[in-house]
PDB file of N, CA and C in Angstrom:
ATOM      1  N   MET A   1       4.587  -3.372  41.831  1.00  0.00           N
ATOM      2  CA  MET A   1       5.442  -2.897  40.766  1.00  0.00           C
ATOM      3  C   MET A   1       4.573  -2.492  39.578  1.00  0.00           C
ATOM      4  N   ARG A   2       4.856  -1.363  39.021  1.00  0.00           N
ATOM      5  CA  ARG A   2       4.125  -0.861  37.856  1.00  0.00           C
ATOM      6  C   ARG A   2       4.695  -1.500  36.592  1.00  0.00           C
ATOM      7  N   THR A   3       3.809  -1.988  35.736  1.00  0.00           N
ATOM      8  CA  THR A   3       4.227  -2.659  34.507  1.00  0.00           C
ATOM      9  C   THR A   3       3.486  -2.077  33.316  1.00  0.00           C
ATOM     10  N   LEU A   4       4.215  -1.744  32.267  1.00  0.00           N
ATOM     11  CA  LEU A   4       3.594  -1.302  31.018  1.00  0.00           C
ATOM     12  C   LEU A   4       3.366  -2.542  30.166  1.00  0.00           C
ATOM     13  N   ASN A   5       2.107  -2.948  30.035  1.00  0.00           N
ATOM     14  CA  ASN A   5       1.820  -4.165  29.283  1.00  0.00           C
ATOM     15  C   ASN A   5       0.528  -4.079  28.485  1.00  0.00           C
ATOM     16  N   TYR A   6      -0.004  -2.858  28.325  1.00  0.00           N
ATOM     17  CA  TYR A   6      -1.306  -2.706  27.680  1.00  0.00           C
ATOM     18  C   TYR A   6      -1.300  -1.426  26.857  1.00  0.00           C
ATOM     19  N   LEU A   7      -1.592  -1.542  25.567  1.00  0.00           N
ATOM     20  CA  LEU A   7      -1.719  -0.379  24.697  1.00  0.00           C
ATOM     21  C   LEU A   7      -3.151  -0.310  24.200  1.00  0.00           C
ATOM     22  N   LEU A   8      -3.751   0.859  24.297  1.00  0.00           N
ATOM     23  CA  LEU A   8      -5.104   1.073  23.781  1.00  0.00           C
ATOM     24  C   LEU A   8      -5.033   2.058  22.624  1.00  0.00           C
ATOM     25  N   LEU A   9      -5.626   1.672  21.501  1.00  0.00           N
ATOM     26  CA  LEU A   9      -5.699   2.556  20.346  1.00  0.00           C
ATOM     27  C   LEU A   9      -7.154   2.933  20.121  1.00  0.00           C
ATOM     28  N   ALA A  10      -7.439   4.230  20.079  1.00  0.00           N
ATOM     29  CA  ALA A  10      -8.791   4.702  19.772  1.00  0.00           C
ATOM     30  C   ALA A  10      -8.985   4.596  18.266  1.00  0.00           C
ATOM     31  N   VAL A  11     -10.041   3.888  17.853  1.00  0.00           N
ATOM     32  CA  VAL A  11     -10.293   3.649  16.427  1.00  0.00           C
ATOM     33  C   VAL A  11     -11.746   3.973  16.089  1.00  0.00           C
ATOM     34  N   ARG A  12     -11.998   4.245  14.811  1.00  0.00           N
ATOM     35  CA  ARG A  12     -13.364   4.558  14.369  1.00  0.00           C
ATOM     36  C   ARG A  12     -14.263   3.333  14.343  1.00  0.00           C
ATOM     37  N   ASN A  13     -13.682   2.167  14.031  1.00  0.00           N
ATOM     38  CA  ASN A  13     -14.473   0.946  13.889  1.00  0.00           C
ATOM     39  C   ASN A  13     -13.626  -0.245  14.348  1.00  0.00           C
ATOM     40  N   PRO A  14     -13.766  -0.669  15.607  1.00  0.00           N
ATOM     41  CA  PRO A  14     -12.937  -1.760  16.115  1.00  0.00           C
ATOM     42  C   PRO A  14     -13.011  -3.046  15.292  1.00  0.00           C
ATOM     43  N   LEU A  15     -14.186  -3.400  14.801  1.00  0.00           N
ATOM     44  CA  LEU A  15     -14.306  -4.645  14.036  1.00  0.00           C
ATOM     45  C   LEU A  15     -13.566  -4.553  12.703  1.00  0.00           C
ATOM     46  N   ALA A  16     -13.662  -3.416  12.025  1.00  0.00           N
ATOM     47  CA  ALA A  16     -12.916  -3.231  10.775  1.00  0.00           C
ATOM     48  C   ALA A  16     -11.415  -3.189  11.057  1.00  0.00           C
ATOM     49  N   SER A  17     -11.023  -2.502  12.120  1.00  0.00           N
ATOM     50  CA  SER A  17      -9.605  -2.446  12.484  1.00  0.00           C
ATOM     51  C   SER A  17      -9.081  -3.834  12.829  1.00  0.00           C
ATOM     52  N   ALA A  18      -9.922  -4.662  13.440  1.00  0.00           N
ATOM     53  CA  ALA A  18      -9.515  -6.021  13.806  1.00  0.00           C
ATOM     54  C   ALA A  18      -9.166  -6.849  12.574  1.00  0.00           C
ATOM     55  N   GLU A  19      -9.872  -6.628  11.479  1.00  0.00           N
ATOM     56  CA  GLU A  19      -9.543  -7.363  10.248  1.00  0.00           C
ATOM     57  C   GLU A  19      -8.104  -7.083   9.836  1.00  0.00           C
ATOM     58  N   LEU A  20      -7.693  -5.825   9.926  1.00  0.00           N
ATOM     59  CA  LEU A  20      -6.325  -5.448   9.575  1.00  0.00           C
ATOM     60  C   LEU A  20      -5.334  -5.950  10.622  1.00  0.00           C
ATOM     61  N   TYR A  21      -5.582  -5.671  11.899  1.00  0.00           N
ATOM     62  CA  TYR A  21      -4.625  -6.022  12.944  1.00  0.00           C
ATOM     63  C   TYR A  21      -4.448  -7.527  13.083  1.00  0.00           C
ATOM     64  N   SER A  22      -5.456  -8.321  12.779  1.00  0.00           N
ATOM     65  CA  SER A  22      -5.288  -9.780  12.797  1.00  0.00           C
ATOM     66  C   SER A  22      -4.236 -10.194  11.777  1.00  0.00           C
ATOM     67  N   LYS A  23      -4.210  -9.529  10.633  1.00  0.00           N
ATOM     68  CA  LYS A  23      -3.198  -9.814   9.609  1.00  0.00           C
ATOM     69  C   LYS A  23      -1.830  -9.285  10.037  1.00  0.00           C
ATOM     70  N   LEU A  24      -1.790  -8.072  10.589  1.00  0.00           N
ATOM     71  CA  LEU A  24      -0.510  -7.483  10.995  1.00  0.00           C
ATOM     72  C   LEU A  24       0.143  -8.269  12.124  1.00  0.00           C
ATOM     73  N   LEU A  25      -0.669  -8.730  13.074  1.00  0.00           N
ATOM     74  CA  LEU A  25      -0.149  -9.414  14.258  1.00  0.00           C
ATOM     75  C   LEU A  25      -0.062 -10.926  14.081  1.00  0.00           C
ATOM     76  N   GLY A  26      -0.691 -11.450  13.030  1.00  0.00           N
ATOM     77  CA  GLY A  26      -0.653 -12.885  12.790  1.00  0.00           C
ATOM     78  C   GLY A  26      -1.418 -13.697  13.809  1.00  0.00           C
ATOM     79  N   ARG A  27      -2.495 -13.124  14.343  1.00  0.00           N
ATOM     80  CA  ARG A  27      -3.312 -13.834  15.338  1.00  0.00           C
ATOM     81  C   ARG A  27      -4.689 -13.219  15.409  1.00  0.00           C
ATOM     82  N   GLU A  28      -5.608 -13.983  15.958  1.00  0.00           N
ATOM     83  CA  GLU A  28      -6.974 -13.512  16.146  1.00  0.00           C
ATOM     84  C   GLU A  28      -7.104 -12.880  17.529  1.00  0.00           C
ATOM     85  N   PRO A  29      -8.053 -11.978  17.709  1.00  0.00           N
ATOM     86  CA  PRO A  29      -8.247 -11.367  19.025  1.00  0.00           C
ATOM     87  C   PRO A  29      -8.810 -12.373  20.029  1.00  0.00           C
ATOM     88  N   VAL A  30      -8.562 -12.097  21.313  1.00  0.00           N
ATOM     89  CA  VAL A  30      -9.125 -12.937  22.378  1.00  0.00           C
ATOM     90  C   VAL A  30     -10.487 -12.412  22.812  1.00  0.00           C
ATOM     91  N   GLU A  31     -10.776 -11.169  22.461  1.00  0.00           N
ATOM     92  CA  GLU A  31     -12.071 -10.548  22.763  1.00  0.00           C
ATOM     93  C   GLU A  31     -12.449  -9.691  21.562  1.00  0.00           C
ATOM     94  N   LYS A  32     -13.743  -9.718  21.205  1.00  0.00           N
ATOM     95  CA  LYS A  32     -14.156  -8.984  20.004  1.00  0.00           C
ATOM     96  C   LYS A  32     -15.616  -8.575  20.145  1.00  0.00           C
ATOM     97  N   SER A  33     -15.848  -7.259  20.156  1.00  0.00           N
ATOM     98  CA  SER A  33     -17.214  -6.737  20.191  1.00  0.00           C
ATOM     99  C   SER A  33     -17.273  -5.486  19.323  1.00  0.00           C
ATOM    100  N   ARG A  34     -18.441  -4.912  19.200  1.00  0.00           N
ATOM    101  CA  ARG A  34     -18.625  -3.715  18.380  1.00  0.00           C
ATOM    102  C   ARG A  34     -17.795  -2.537  18.885  1.00  0.00           C
ATOM    103  N   THR A  35     -17.549  -2.471  20.190  1.00  0.00           N
ATOM    104  CA  THR A  35     -16.865  -1.311  20.766  1.00  0.00           C
ATOM    105  C   THR A  35     -15.429  -1.580  21.210  1.00  0.00           C
ATOM    106  N   PHE A  36     -15.010  -2.853  21.237  1.00  0.00           N
ATOM    107  CA  PHE A  36     -13.670  -3.161  21.758  1.00  0.00           C
ATOM    108  C   PHE A  36     -13.172  -4.503  21.230  1.00  0.00           C
ATOM    109  N   VAL A  37     -11.891  -4.519  20.861  1.00  0.00           N
ATOM    110  CA  VAL A  37     -11.220  -5.745  20.417  1.00  0.00           C
ATOM    111  C   VAL A  37      -9.896  -5.831  21.173  1.00  0.00           C
ATOM    112  N   LEU A  38      -9.558  -7.044  21.645  1.00  0.00           N
ATOM    113  CA  LEU A  38      -8.331  -7.217  22.428  1.00  0.00           C
ATOM    114  C   LEU A  38      -7.468  -8.336  21.854  1.00  0.00           C
ATOM    115  N   TYR A  39      -6.177  -8.024  21.695  1.00  0.00           N
ATOM    116  CA  TYR A  39      -5.169  -9.011  21.306  1.00  0.00           C
ATOM    117  C   TYR A  39      -4.221  -9.206  22.475  1.00  0.00           C
ATOM    118  N   VAL A  40      -3.777 -10.434  22.682  1.00  0.00           N
ATOM    119  CA  VAL A  40      -2.724 -10.727  23.647  1.00  0.00           C
ATOM    120  C   VAL A  40      -1.585 -11.374  22.860  1.00  0.00           C
ATOM    121  N   LEU A  41      -0.433 -10.731  22.879  1.00  0.00           N
ATOM    122  CA  LEU A  41       0.722 -11.211  22.126  1.00  0.00           C
ATOM    123  C   LEU A  41       1.513 -12.224  22.954  1.00  0.00           C
ATOM    124  N   PRO A  42       2.362 -13.034  22.319  1.00  0.00           N
ATOM    125  CA  PRO A  42       3.141 -14.034  23.054  1.00  0.00           C
ATOM    126  C   PRO A  42       4.003 -13.438  24.170  1.00  0.00           C
ATOM    127  N   THR A  43       4.397 -12.188  24.026  1.00  0.00           N
ATOM    128  CA  THR A  43       5.208 -11.521  25.058  1.00  0.00           C
ATOM    129  C   THR A  43       4.377 -11.117  26.273  1.00  0.00           C
ATOM    130  N   GLY A  44       3.046 -11.221  26.150  1.00  0.00           N
ATOM    131  CA  GLY A  44       2.158 -10.772  27.213  1.00  0.00           C
ATOM    132  C   GLY A  44       1.589  -9.387  26.966  1.00  0.00           C
ATOM    133  N   LEU A  45       2.153  -8.665  26.005  1.00  0.00           N
ATOM    134  CA  LEU A  45       1.636  -7.340  25.673  1.00  0.00           C
ATOM    135  C   LEU A  45       0.205  -7.455  25.167  1.00  0.00           C
ATOM    136  N   LYS A  46      -0.651  -6.585  25.656  1.00  0.00           N
ATOM    137  CA  LYS A  46      -2.046  -6.542  25.214  1.00  0.00           C
ATOM    138  C   LYS A  46      -2.251  -5.288  24.375  1.00  0.00           C
ATOM    139  N   ILE A  47      -2.942  -5.446  23.254  1.00  0.00           N
ATOM    140  CA  ILE A  47      -3.281  -4.312  22.396  1.00  0.00           C
ATOM    141  C   ILE A  47      -4.788  -4.290  22.251  1.00  0.00           C
ATOM    142  N   GLY A  48      -5.391  -3.182  22.688  1.00  0.00           N
ATOM    143  CA  GLY A  48      -6.833  -3.021  22.594  1.00  0.00           C
ATOM    144  C   GLY A  48      -7.200  -1.999  21.537  1.00  0.00           C
ATOM    145  N   LEU A  49      -8.234  -2.311  20.772  1.00  0.00           N
ATOM    146  CA  LEU A  49      -8.786  -1.387  19.775  1.00  0.00           C
ATOM    147  C   LEU A  49     -10.133  -0.929  20.322  1.00  0.00           C
ATOM    148  N   TRP A  50     -10.218   0.323  20.747  1.00  0.00           N
ATOM    149  CA  TRP A  50     -11.375   0.835  21.472  1.00  0.00           C
ATOM    150  C   TRP A  50     -12.110   1.834  20.594  1.00  0.00           C
ATOM    151  N   LEU A  51     -13.417   1.713  20.521  1.00  0.00           N
ATOM    152  CA  LEU A  51     -14.237   2.639  19.746  1.00  0.00           C
ATOM    153  C   LEU A  51     -13.993   4.058  20.251  1.00  0.00           C
ATOM    154  N   ALA A  52     -13.469   4.925  19.392  1.00  0.00           N
ATOM    155  CA  ALA A  52     -13.075   6.280  19.794  1.00  0.00           C
ATOM    156  C   ALA A  52     -14.224   7.052  20.429  1.00  0.00           C
ATOM    157  N   ASP A  53     -15.442   6.848  19.933  1.00  0.00           N
ATOM    158  CA  ASP A  53     -16.599   7.567  20.479  1.00  0.00           C
ATOM    159  C   ASP A  53     -16.902   7.180  21.924  1.00  0.00           C
ATOM    160  N   GLU A  54     -16.370   6.050  22.392  1.00  0.00           N
ATOM    161  CA  GLU A  54     -16.629   5.559  23.750  1.00  0.00           C
ATOM    162  C   GLU A  54     -15.527   5.946  24.738  1.00  0.00           C
ATOM    163  N   VAL A  55     -14.396   6.437  24.239  1.00  0.00           N
ATOM    164  CA  VAL A  55     -13.257   6.750  25.101  1.00  0.00           C
ATOM    165  C   VAL A  55     -13.512   8.061  25.831  1.00  0.00           C
ATOM    166  N   ALA A  56     -13.277   8.053  27.144  1.00  0.00           N
ATOM    167  CA  ALA A  56     -13.396   9.278  27.938  1.00  0.00           C
ATOM    168  C   ALA A  56     -12.137   9.417  28.789  1.00  0.00           C
ATOM    169  N   PRO A  57     -11.518  10.584  28.786  1.00  0.00           N
ATOM    170  CA  PRO A  57     -11.847  11.745  27.971  1.00  0.00           C
ATOM    171  C   PRO A  57     -11.575  11.461  26.491  1.00  0.00           C
ATOM    172  N   ALA A  58     -12.186  12.259  25.638  1.00  0.00           N
ATOM    173  CA  ALA A  58     -12.078  12.062  24.191  1.00  0.00           C
ATOM    174  C   ALA A  58     -10.616  12.115  23.751  1.00  0.00           C
ATOM    175  N   PRO A  59     -10.193  11.181  22.895  1.00  0.00           N
ATOM    176  CA  PRO A  59      -8.800  11.168  22.440  1.00  0.00           C
ATOM    177  C   PRO A  59      -8.514  12.274  21.433  1.00  0.00           C
ATOM    178  N   LYS A  60      -7.243  12.653  21.369  1.00  0.00           N
ATOM    179  CA  LYS A  60      -6.783  13.599  20.352  1.00  0.00           C
ATOM    180  C   LYS A  60      -6.447  12.813  19.090  1.00  0.00           C
ATOM    181  N   PRO A  61      -6.228  13.493  17.975  1.00  0.00           N
ATOM    182  CA  PRO A  61      -5.901  12.776  16.737  1.00  0.00           C
ATOM    183  C   PRO A  61      -4.700  11.844  16.901  1.00  0.00           C
ATOM    184  N   ALA A  62      -4.693  10.758  16.128  1.00  0.00           N
ATOM    185  CA  ALA A  62      -3.631   9.755  16.187  1.00  0.00           C
ATOM    186  C   ALA A  62      -2.337  10.282  15.592  1.00  0.00           C
ATOM    187  N   GLY A  63      -1.278   9.532  15.788  1.00  0.00           N
ATOM    188  CA  GLY A  63       0.006   9.841  15.176  1.00  0.00           C
ATOM    189  C   GLY A  63       1.073  10.244  16.169  1.00  0.00           C
ATOM    190  N   GLY A  64       0.737  10.384  17.439  1.00  0.00           N
ATOM    191  CA  GLY A  64       1.698  10.812  18.440  1.00  0.00           C
ATOM    192  C   GLY A  64       2.604   9.697  18.942  1.00  0.00           C
ATOM    193  N   ILE A  65       2.220   8.444  18.703  1.00  0.00           N
ATOM    194  CA  ILE A  65       3.070   7.316  19.062  1.00  0.00           C
ATOM    195  C   ILE A  65       3.179   6.394  17.856  1.00  0.00           C
ATOM    196  N   GLU A  66       4.121   5.473  17.937  1.00  0.00           N
ATOM    197  CA  GLU A  66       4.273   4.467  16.895  1.00  0.00           C
ATOM    198  C   GLU A  66       4.244   3.088  17.532  1.00  0.00           C
ATOM    199  N   LEU A  67       3.638   2.140  16.850  1.00  0.00           N
ATOM    200  CA  LEU A  67       3.794   0.739  17.202  1.00  0.00           C
ATOM    201  C   LEU A  67       4.967   0.243  16.376  1.00  0.00           C
ATOM    202  N   SER A  68       6.007  -0.232  17.045  1.00  0.00           N
ATOM    203  CA  SER A  68       7.214  -0.664  16.346  1.00  0.00           C
ATOM    204  C   SER A  68       7.319  -2.181  16.374  1.00  0.00           C
ATOM    205  N   PHE A  69       7.720  -2.740  15.245  1.00  0.00           N
ATOM    206  CA  PHE A  69       7.831  -4.182  15.069  1.00  0.00           C
ATOM    207  C   PHE A  69       9.281  -4.504  14.722  1.00  0.00           C
ATOM    208  N   SER A  70       9.991  -5.224  15.588  1.00  0.00           N
ATOM    209  CA  SER A  70      11.370  -5.581  15.258  1.00  0.00           C
ATOM    210  C   SER A  70      11.368  -6.753  14.282  1.00  0.00           C
ATOM    211  N   GLU A  71      12.187  -6.631  13.260  1.00  0.00           N
ATOM    212  CA  GLU A  71      12.317  -7.654  12.222  1.00  0.00           C
ATOM    213  C   GLU A  71      13.715  -8.267  12.312  1.00  0.00           C
ATOM    214  N   GLU A  72      13.916  -9.402  11.651  1.00  0.00           N
ATOM    215  CA  GLU A  72      15.189 -10.107  11.736  1.00  0.00           C
ATOM    216  C   GLU A  72      16.231  -9.625  10.737  1.00  0.00           C
ATOM    217  N   SER A  73      15.790  -8.972   9.648  1.00  0.00           N
ATOM    218  CA  SER A  73      16.746  -8.576   8.611  1.00  0.00           C
ATOM    219  C   SER A  73      16.160  -7.457   7.755  1.00  0.00           C
ATOM    220  N   ARG A  74      17.027  -6.851   6.945  1.00  0.00           N
ATOM    221  CA  ARG A  74      16.566  -5.841   5.991  1.00  0.00           C
ATOM    222  C   ARG A  74      15.577  -6.469   5.010  1.00  0.00           C
ATOM    223  N   ASP A  75      15.840  -7.710   4.591  1.00  0.00           N
ATOM    224  CA  ASP A  75      14.922  -8.390   3.676  1.00  0.00           C
ATOM    225  C   ASP A  75      13.550  -8.582   4.316  1.00  0.00           C
ATOM    226  N   ALA A  76      13.521  -8.860   5.616  1.00  0.00           N
ATOM    227  CA  ALA A  76      12.240  -9.010   6.316  1.00  0.00           C
ATOM    228  C   ALA A  76      11.493  -7.680   6.353  1.00  0.00           C
ATOM    229  N   VAL A  77      12.217  -6.577   6.534  1.00  0.00           N
ATOM    230  CA  VAL A  77      11.586  -5.249   6.500  1.00  0.00           C
ATOM    231  C   VAL A  77      10.999  -5.003   5.111  1.00  0.00           C
ATOM    232  N   ARG A  78      11.760  -5.325   4.079  1.00  0.00           N
ATOM    233  CA  ARG A  78      11.261  -5.153   2.704  1.00  0.00           C
ATOM    234  C   ARG A  78      10.025  -6.028   2.446  1.00  0.00           C
ATOM    235  N   ALA A  79      10.045  -7.260   2.945  1.00  0.00           N
ATOM    236  CA  ALA A  79       8.899  -8.162   2.758  1.00  0.00           C
ATOM    237  C   ALA A  79       7.667  -7.624   3.478  1.00  0.00           C
ATOM    238  N   THR A  80       7.857  -7.082   4.670  1.00  0.00           N
ATOM    239  CA  THR A  80       6.738  -6.491   5.406  1.00  0.00           C
ATOM    240  C   THR A  80       6.194  -5.287   4.649  1.00  0.00           C
ATOM    241  N   HIS A  81       7.084  -4.472   4.087  1.00  0.00           N
ATOM    242  CA  HIS A  81       6.660  -3.323   3.279  1.00  0.00           C
ATOM    243  C   HIS A  81       5.786  -3.791   2.118  1.00  0.00           C
ATOM    244  N   ALA A  82       6.222  -4.827   1.416  1.00  0.00           N
ATOM    245  CA  ALA A  82       5.447  -5.347   0.280  1.00  0.00           C
ATOM    246  C   ALA A  82       4.091  -5.885   0.742  1.00  0.00           C
ATOM    247  N   GLU A  83       4.086  -6.624   1.847  1.00  0.00           N
ATOM    248  CA  GLU A  83       2.837  -7.187   2.373  1.00  0.00           C
ATOM    249  C   GLU A  83       1.865  -6.084   2.777  1.00  0.00           C
ATOM    250  N   TRP A  84       2.349  -5.091   3.515  1.00  0.00           N
ATOM    251  CA  TRP A  84       1.473  -4.031   4.004  1.00  0.00           C
ATOM    252  C   TRP A  84       0.988  -3.148   2.866  1.00  0.00           C
ATOM    253  N   THR A  85       1.807  -2.985   1.833  1.00  0.00           N
ATOM    254  CA  THR A  85       1.364  -2.247   0.652  1.00  0.00           C
ATOM    255  C   THR A  85       0.210  -2.993  -0.013  1.00  0.00           C
ATOM    256  N   ARG A  86       0.327  -4.321  -0.125  1.00  0.00           N
ATOM    257  CA  ARG A  86      -0.763  -5.136  -0.690  1.00  0.00           C
ATOM    258  C   ARG A  86      -2.032  -5.037   0.159  1.00  0.00           C
ATOM    259  N   LEU A  87      -1.868  -4.892   1.480  1.00  0.00           N
ATOM    260  CA  LEU A  87      -3.023  -4.758   2.375  1.00  0.00           C
ATOM    261  C   LEU A  87      -3.674  -3.379   2.285  1.00  0.00           C
ATOM    262  N   GLY A  88      -3.028  -2.450   1.586  1.00  0.00           N
ATOM    263  CA  GLY A  88      -3.599  -1.120   1.398  1.00  0.00           C
ATOM    264  C   GLY A  88      -3.230  -0.104   2.457  1.00  0.00           C
ATOM    265  N   LEU A  89      -2.237  -0.419   3.306  1.00  0.00           N
ATOM    266  CA  LEU A  89      -1.805   0.567   4.294  1.00  0.00           C
ATOM    267  C   LEU A  89      -1.137   1.743   3.593  1.00  0.00           C
ATOM    268  N   LYS A  90      -1.324   2.921   4.139  1.00  0.00           N
ATOM    269  CA  LYS A  90      -0.689   4.124   3.601  1.00  0.00           C
ATOM    270  C   LYS A  90       0.758   4.170   4.098  1.00  0.00           C
ATOM    271  N   VAL A  91       1.709   4.099   3.185  1.00  0.00           N
ATOM    272  CA  VAL A  91       3.128   4.182   3.542  1.00  0.00           C
ATOM    273  C   VAL A  91       3.517   5.655   3.557  1.00  0.00           C
ATOM    274  N   VAL A  92       3.962   6.142   4.719  1.00  0.00           N
ATOM    275  CA  VAL A  92       4.324   7.553   4.862  1.00  0.00           C
ATOM    276  C   VAL A  92       5.837   7.755   4.871  1.00  0.00           C
ATOM    277  N   GLN A  93       6.588   6.669   4.991  1.00  0.00           N
ATOM    278  CA  GLN A  93       8.045   6.713   4.847  1.00  0.00           C
ATOM    279  C   GLN A  93       8.459   5.407   4.165  1.00  0.00           C
ATOM    280  N   GLU A  94       9.012   5.536   2.981  1.00  0.00           N
ATOM    281  CA  GLU A  94       9.477   4.356   2.246  1.00  0.00           C
ATOM    282  C   GLU A  94      10.662   3.726   2.988  1.00  0.00           C
ATOM    283  N   PRO A  95      10.970   2.453   2.712  1.00  0.00           N
ATOM    284  CA  PRO A  95      12.120   1.827   3.369  1.00  0.00           C
ATOM    285  C   PRO A  95      13.376   2.681   3.203  1.00  0.00           C
ATOM    286  N   THR A  96      14.045   2.895   4.326  1.00  0.00           N
ATOM    287  CA  THR A  96      15.206   3.782   4.337  1.00  0.00           C
ATOM    288  C   THR A  96      16.137   3.420   5.482  1.00  0.00           C
ATOM    289  N   GLU A  97      17.377   3.822   5.341  1.00  0.00           N
ATOM    290  CA  GLU A  97      18.369   3.658   6.396  1.00  0.00           C
ATOM    291  C   GLU A  97      18.302   4.882   7.298  1.00  0.00           C
ATOM    292  N   MET A  98      18.214   4.658   8.612  1.00  0.00           N
ATOM    293  CA  MET A  98      18.204   5.757   9.581  1.00  0.00           C
ATOM    294  C   MET A  98      19.323   5.519  10.593  1.00  0.00           C
ATOM    295  N   ASP A  99      19.475   6.431  11.542  1.00  0.00           N
ATOM    296  CA  ASP A  99      20.542   6.313  12.538  1.00  0.00           C
ATOM    297  C   ASP A  99      20.543   4.953  13.226  1.00  0.00           C
ATOM    298  N   PHE A 100      19.385   4.438  13.544  1.00  0.00           N
ATOM    299  CA  PHE A 100      19.260   3.216  14.347  1.00  0.00           C
ATOM    300  C   PHE A 100      19.184   1.939  13.523  1.00  0.00           C
ATOM    301  N   GLY A 101      18.864   2.081  12.208  1.00  0.00           N
ATOM    302  CA  GLY A 101      18.744   0.889  11.378  1.00  0.00           C
ATOM    303  C   GLY A 101      17.889   1.123  10.145  1.00  0.00           C
ATOM    304  N   PHE A 102      17.424   0.023   9.545  1.00  0.00           N
ATOM    305  CA  PHE A 102      16.632   0.051   8.317  1.00  0.00           C
ATOM    306  C   PHE A 102      15.159  -0.044   8.689  1.00  0.00           C
ATOM    307  N   THR A 103      14.311   0.822   8.095  1.00  0.00           N
ATOM    308  CA  THR A 103      12.935   0.945   8.559  1.00  0.00           C
ATOM    309  C   THR A 103      12.028   1.524   7.486  1.00  0.00           C
ATOM    310  N   PHE A 104      10.734   1.478   7.741  1.00  0.00           N
ATOM    311  CA  PHE A 104       9.734   2.257   7.007  1.00  0.00           C
ATOM    312  C   PHE A 104       8.582   2.514   7.958  1.00  0.00           C
ATOM    313  N   VAL A 105       7.686   3.428   7.571  1.00  0.00           N
ATOM    314  CA  VAL A 105       6.522   3.744   8.405  1.00  0.00           C
ATOM    315  C   VAL A 105       5.268   3.701   7.544  1.00  0.00           C
ATOM    316  N   ALA A 106       4.244   3.040   8.082  1.00  0.00           N
ATOM    317  CA  ALA A 106       2.919   3.011   7.459  1.00  0.00           C
ATOM    318  C   ALA A 106       1.915   3.504   8.491  1.00  0.00           C
ATOM    319  N   GLU A 107       0.720   3.835   8.018  1.00  0.00           N
ATOM    320  CA  GLU A 107      -0.359   4.238   8.925  1.00  0.00           C
ATOM    321  C   GLU A 107      -1.537   3.301   8.740  1.00  0.00           C
ATOM    322  N   ASP A 108      -2.195   2.977   9.862  1.00  0.00           N
ATOM    323  CA  ASP A 108      -3.440   2.225   9.762  1.00  0.00           C
ATOM    324  C   ASP A 108      -4.552   3.195   9.354  1.00  0.00           C
ATOM    325  N   PRO A 109      -5.764   2.722   9.109  1.00  0.00           N
ATOM    326  CA  PRO A 109      -6.833   3.623   8.654  1.00  0.00           C
ATOM    327  C   PRO A 109      -7.179   4.757   9.625  1.00  0.00           C
ATOM    328  N   ASP A 110      -6.797   4.604  10.912  1.00  0.00           N
ATOM    329  CA  ASP A 110      -7.063   5.653  11.894  1.00  0.00           C
ATOM    330  C   ASP A 110      -5.878   6.592  12.079  1.00  0.00           C
ATOM    331  N   GLY A 111      -4.801   6.386  11.317  1.00  0.00           N
ATOM    332  CA  GLY A 111      -3.639   7.260  11.404  1.00  0.00           C
ATOM    333  C   GLY A 111      -2.593   6.831  12.413  1.00  0.00           C
ATOM    334  N   HIS A 112      -2.759   5.666  13.048  1.00  0.00           N
ATOM    335  CA  HIS A 112      -1.745   5.165  13.973  1.00  0.00           C
ATOM    336  C   HIS A 112      -0.532   4.715  13.166  1.00  0.00           C
ATOM    337  N   ARG A 113       0.642   5.145  13.623  1.00  0.00           N
ATOM    338  CA  ARG A 113       1.872   4.861  12.883  1.00  0.00           C
ATOM    339  C   ARG A 113       2.415   3.481  13.244  1.00  0.00           C
ATOM    340  N   LEU A 114       2.845   2.751  12.215  1.00  0.00           N
ATOM    341  CA  LEU A 114       3.374   1.397  12.358  1.00  0.00           C
ATOM    342  C   LEU A 114       4.778   1.386  11.758  1.00  0.00           C
ATOM    343  N   ARG A 115       5.795   1.022  12.577  1.00  0.00           N
ATOM    344  CA  ARG A 115       7.191   1.091  12.119  1.00  0.00           C
ATOM    345  C   ARG A 115       7.893  -0.260  12.275  1.00  0.00           C
ATOM    346  N   PRO A 116       8.010  -1.045  11.201  1.00  0.00           N
ATOM    347  CA  PRO A 116       8.900  -2.199  11.228  1.00  0.00           C
ATOM    348  C   PRO A 116      10.349  -1.712  11.091  1.00  0.00           C
ATOM    349  N   PHE A 117      11.282  -2.422  11.722  1.00  0.00           N
ATOM    350  CA  PHE A 117      12.685  -2.011  11.649  1.00  0.00           C
ATOM    351  C   PHE A 117      13.596  -3.202  11.937  1.00  0.00           C
ATOM    352  N   VAL A 118      14.824  -3.084  11.494  1.00  0.00           N
ATOM    353  CA  VAL A 118      15.901  -3.966  11.926  1.00  0.00           C
ATOM    354  C   VAL A 118      17.032  -3.048  12.369  1.00  0.00           C
ATOM    355  N   LEU A 119      17.592  -3.327  13.534  1.00  0.00           N
ATOM    356  CA  LEU A 119      18.661  -2.482  14.056  1.00  0.00           C
ATOM    357  C   LEU A 119      19.914  -2.593  13.200  1.00  0.00           C
ATOM    358  N   ALA A 120      20.626  -1.489  13.100  1.00  0.00           N
ATOM    359  CA  ALA A 120      21.908  -1.468  12.398  1.00  0.00           C
ATOM    360  C   ALA A 120      22.939  -2.230  13.224  1.00  0.00           C
ATOM    361  N   ASP A 121      23.934  -2.812  12.542  1.00  0.00           N
ATOM    362  CA  ASP A 121      25.011  -3.494  13.266  1.00  0.00           C
ATOM    363  C   ASP A 121      25.737  -2.524  14.189  1.00  0.00           C
ATOM    364  N   LYS A 122      25.956  -1.315  13.681  1.00  0.00           N
ATOM    365  CA  LYS A 122      26.634  -0.273  14.458  1.00  0.00           C
ATOM    366  C   LYS A 122      25.825   1.005  14.325  1.00  0.00           C
ATOM    367  N   PRO A 123      24.830   1.219  15.212  1.00  0.00           N
ATOM    368  CA  PRO A 123      24.022   2.448  15.120  1.00  0.00           C
ATOM    369  C   PRO A 123      24.914   3.684  15.162  1.00  0.00           C
ATOM    370  N   ARG A 124      24.511   4.698  14.371  1.00  0.00           N
ATOM    371  CA  ARG A 124      25.290   5.943  14.325  1.00  0.00           C
ATOM    372  C   ARG A 124      25.090   6.758  15.573  1.00  0.00           C
TER     373      ARG A 124
END
């Protein structure tokens, strides 16, 4: 059976990215080197930060996918927005109501999009 359980993000500096992602994910990586950093989340999902110069074939610019984080409430989304703003993430969409719920979008230093959200009670 095919299982989607591993996301790889091409980054300019895995060790620098790990400093940020450790804060975003609330955990330390299980593997950490100059060219690759690996996180394993409680759900079993693995997120790898791979040195872009080492990826073959060469990756295209970031921004084509989003890492989405489900939150428990609108207040939790607002708190995450405040925390990530303090961390220096670039916010590209301020907290807003959308068809599916309340959300905002930030980018990591490599341009990967990060979307915390809480689903609406009755999505439009």
